[in-house]
Amino acid sequence: MAKHPFLSAEWIEEARRLRQEHLGDSPAIAARIRMNQIVTEMPFGEAELRTYIDTSAGFLDMEIGELESPDVTVSLDYLTAKALFVDMNPQAGMEAFLSGRIKVTGDMTKLLALQSVMAPTGSADATGNLIKEITE
């Protein structure tokens, strides 16, 4: 399986394919959130990348772009985003938040609910593990 830099166009395409291919393999996500993300300090391309996560259909939909009227907007650096979304390391997120490297506007309770269902034990589900395998 080819590896791609996290959030590169190739990574996004392959992660999208894996999520679609394994859509029914994981239980539905109970936490409903529409979240915009601004990822800064990108090591390639533009200095920042705008993405979104939408779980309102019961599964994680992560794409490039922005949602209108999100519940929450999160600004974070590339390495923190990778630690959270690839390594599924909630501790890295907490440390980044407390040190000011993550900025949140909007409904913080929805963000906390998402964190609690996405990585309750610090490990990814089967699809998350496949996405981890394609990430360099």
Protein backbone atom coordinates (compact mmCIF):
# COMPACT_ATOMS: atom_id res chain seq x y z
CA MET A 1 0.00 0.00 0.00
CA ALA A 2 1.46 3.36 -1.05
CA LYS A 3 2.13 5.95 1.67
CA HIS A 4 1.32 9.64 1.28
CA PRO A 5 2.00 12.73 3.39
CA PHE A 6 -0.88 13.49 5.76
CA LEU A 7 -3.39 15.91 4.17
CA SER A 8 -1.72 15.82 0.75
CA ALA A 9 -4.09 15.57 -2.21
CA GLU A 10 -3.10 11.91 -2.65
CA TRP A 11 -3.66 11.16 1.03
CA ILE A 12 -7.07 12.82 1.03
CA GLU A 13 -8.15 10.84 -2.05
CA GLU A 14 -6.95 7.52 -0.62
CA ALA A 15 -8.45 8.22 2.84
CA ARG A 16 -11.77 9.10 1.15
CA ARG A 17 -11.65 5.81 -0.81
CA LEU A 18 -10.90 3.79 2.33
CA ARG A 19 -13.70 5.45 4.31
CA GLN A 20 -16.19 4.74 1.50
CA GLU A 21 -14.98 1.16 1.04
CA HIS A 22 -15.31 0.41 4.77
CA LEU A 23 -18.37 2.55 5.51
CA GLY A 24 -20.35 -0.22 7.22
CA ASP A 25 -17.41 -1.81 9.05
CA SER A 26 -17.54 0.47 12.11
CA PRO A 27 -20.45 1.34 14.38
CA ALA A 28 -22.22 4.62 13.67
CA ILE A 29 -20.73 7.69 15.32
CA ALA A 30 -23.17 8.84 17.98
CA ALA A 31 -21.70 12.33 18.40
CA ARG A 32 -23.09 14.74 15.80
CA ILE A 33 -20.79 17.60 14.87
CA ARG A 34 -20.15 19.92 11.94
CA MET A 35 -16.61 21.20 12.41
CA ASN A 36 -14.39 23.38 10.29
CA GLN A 37 -10.64 23.02 10.74
CA ILE A 38 -7.87 25.39 9.81
CA VAL A 39 -4.63 23.43 9.68
CA THR A 40 -1.59 25.71 9.81
CA GLU A 41 2.14 25.19 9.32
CA MET A 42 1.60 22.81 6.39
CA PRO A 43 4.96 21.32 5.33
CA PHE A 44 3.95 21.46 1.64
CA GLY A 45 1.68 23.56 -0.58
CA GLU A 46 -0.06 26.54 0.98
CA ALA A 47 0.72 27.67 4.53
CA GLU A 48 -2.73 26.56 5.72
CA LEU A 49 -5.41 24.10 4.67
CA ARG A 50 -9.12 24.36 5.42
CA THR A 51 -10.94 21.10 5.97
CA TYR A 52 -14.14 19.99 7.64
CA ILE A 53 -15.52 17.06 9.56
CA ASP A 54 -19.22 16.27 9.50
CA THR A 55 -20.62 13.32 11.46
CA SER A 56 -24.31 14.26 11.14
CA ALA A 57 -24.97 11.22 8.89
CA GLY A 58 -23.53 8.84 11.53
CA PHE A 59 -20.12 8.42 9.90
CA LEU A 60 -17.04 10.59 9.64
CA ASP A 61 -17.01 12.74 6.52
CA MET A 62 -13.70 14.64 6.25
CA GLU A 63 -13.13 16.79 3.18
CA ILE A 64 -11.32 19.85 1.91
CA GLY A 65 -13.31 23.07 2.22
CA GLU A 66 -15.56 24.67 4.78
CA LEU A 67 -19.08 24.10 6.07
CA GLU A 68 -21.57 26.92 6.37
CA SER A 69 -22.72 27.42 9.97
CA PRO A 70 -20.41 24.90 11.66
CA ASP A 71 -20.95 23.93 15.30
CA VAL A 72 -17.28 24.61 15.99
CA THR A 73 -14.15 25.84 14.23
CA VAL A 74 -10.75 24.56 15.28
CA SER A 75 -7.40 26.04 14.31
CA LEU A 76 -4.38 23.81 14.86
CA ASP A 77 -0.94 23.12 13.46
CA TYR A 78 -0.16 20.27 11.06
CA LEU A 79 1.73 18.07 13.55
CA THR A 80 -1.05 18.34 16.12
CA ALA A 81 -3.67 17.50 13.49
CA LYS A 82 -1.68 14.43 12.48
CA ALA A 83 -1.33 13.34 16.13
CA LEU A 84 -5.09 13.66 16.62
CA PHE A 85 -6.48 12.29 13.37
CA VAL A 86 -3.89 9.69 12.36
CA ASP A 87 -2.26 8.62 15.62
CA MET A 88 -5.56 9.04 17.51
CA ASN A 89 -3.65 10.56 20.42
CA PRO A 90 -6.08 12.57 22.57
CA GLN A 91 -3.28 13.43 25.01
CA ALA A 92 -1.48 15.36 22.24
CA GLY A 93 -4.69 17.30 21.64
CA MET A 94 -5.11 18.16 25.31
CA GLU A 95 -1.49 19.31 25.59
CA ALA A 96 -1.81 21.42 22.42
CA PHE A 97 -5.05 22.97 23.68
CA LEU A 98 -3.60 23.84 27.07
CA SER A 99 -0.50 25.38 25.46
CA GLY A 100 -2.58 27.48 23.04
CA ARG A 101 -1.65 25.58 19.85
CA ILE A 102 -5.33 24.67 19.35
CA LYS A 103 -7.85 27.48 19.19
CA VAL A 104 -11.56 26.69 19.34
CA THR A 105 -14.57 28.85 18.54
CA GLY A 106 -18.10 27.58 18.85
CA ASP A 107 -19.67 24.73 20.81
CA MET A 108 -16.84 23.13 22.78
CA THR A 109 -19.18 20.46 24.20
CA LYS A 110 -19.68 18.98 20.72
CA LEU A 111 -15.93 18.83 20.20
CA LEU A 112 -15.48 17.03 23.53
CA ALA A 113 -18.27 14.59 22.64
CA LEU A 114 -16.55 13.80 19.34
CA GLN A 115 -13.23 13.20 21.08
CA SER A 116 -14.86 10.83 23.56
CA VAL A 117 -16.34 8.60 20.84
CA MET A 118 -13.47 8.77 18.34
CA ALA A 119 -10.64 7.62 20.60
CA PRO A 120 -11.97 6.30 23.91
CA THR A 121 -8.93 4.08 24.36
CA GLY A 122 -6.45 6.02 22.26
CA SER A 123 -6.71 3.53 19.40
CA ALA A 124 -8.27 3.80 15.97
CA ASP A 125 -10.96 1.55 14.49
CA ALA A 126 -10.20 -0.74 11.51
CA THR A 127 -10.66 2.06 8.97
CA GLY A 128 -8.52 4.38 11.06
CA ASN A 129 -5.80 1.75 11.13
CA LEU A 130 -5.91 1.47 7.32
CA ILE A 131 -5.65 5.25 7.02
CA LYS A 132 -2.71 5.17 9.43
CA GLU A 133 -1.01 2.64 7.15
CA ILE A 134 -1.18 4.98 4.13
CA THR A 135 0.22 7.95 6.08
CA GLU A 136 3.87 8.91 6.03
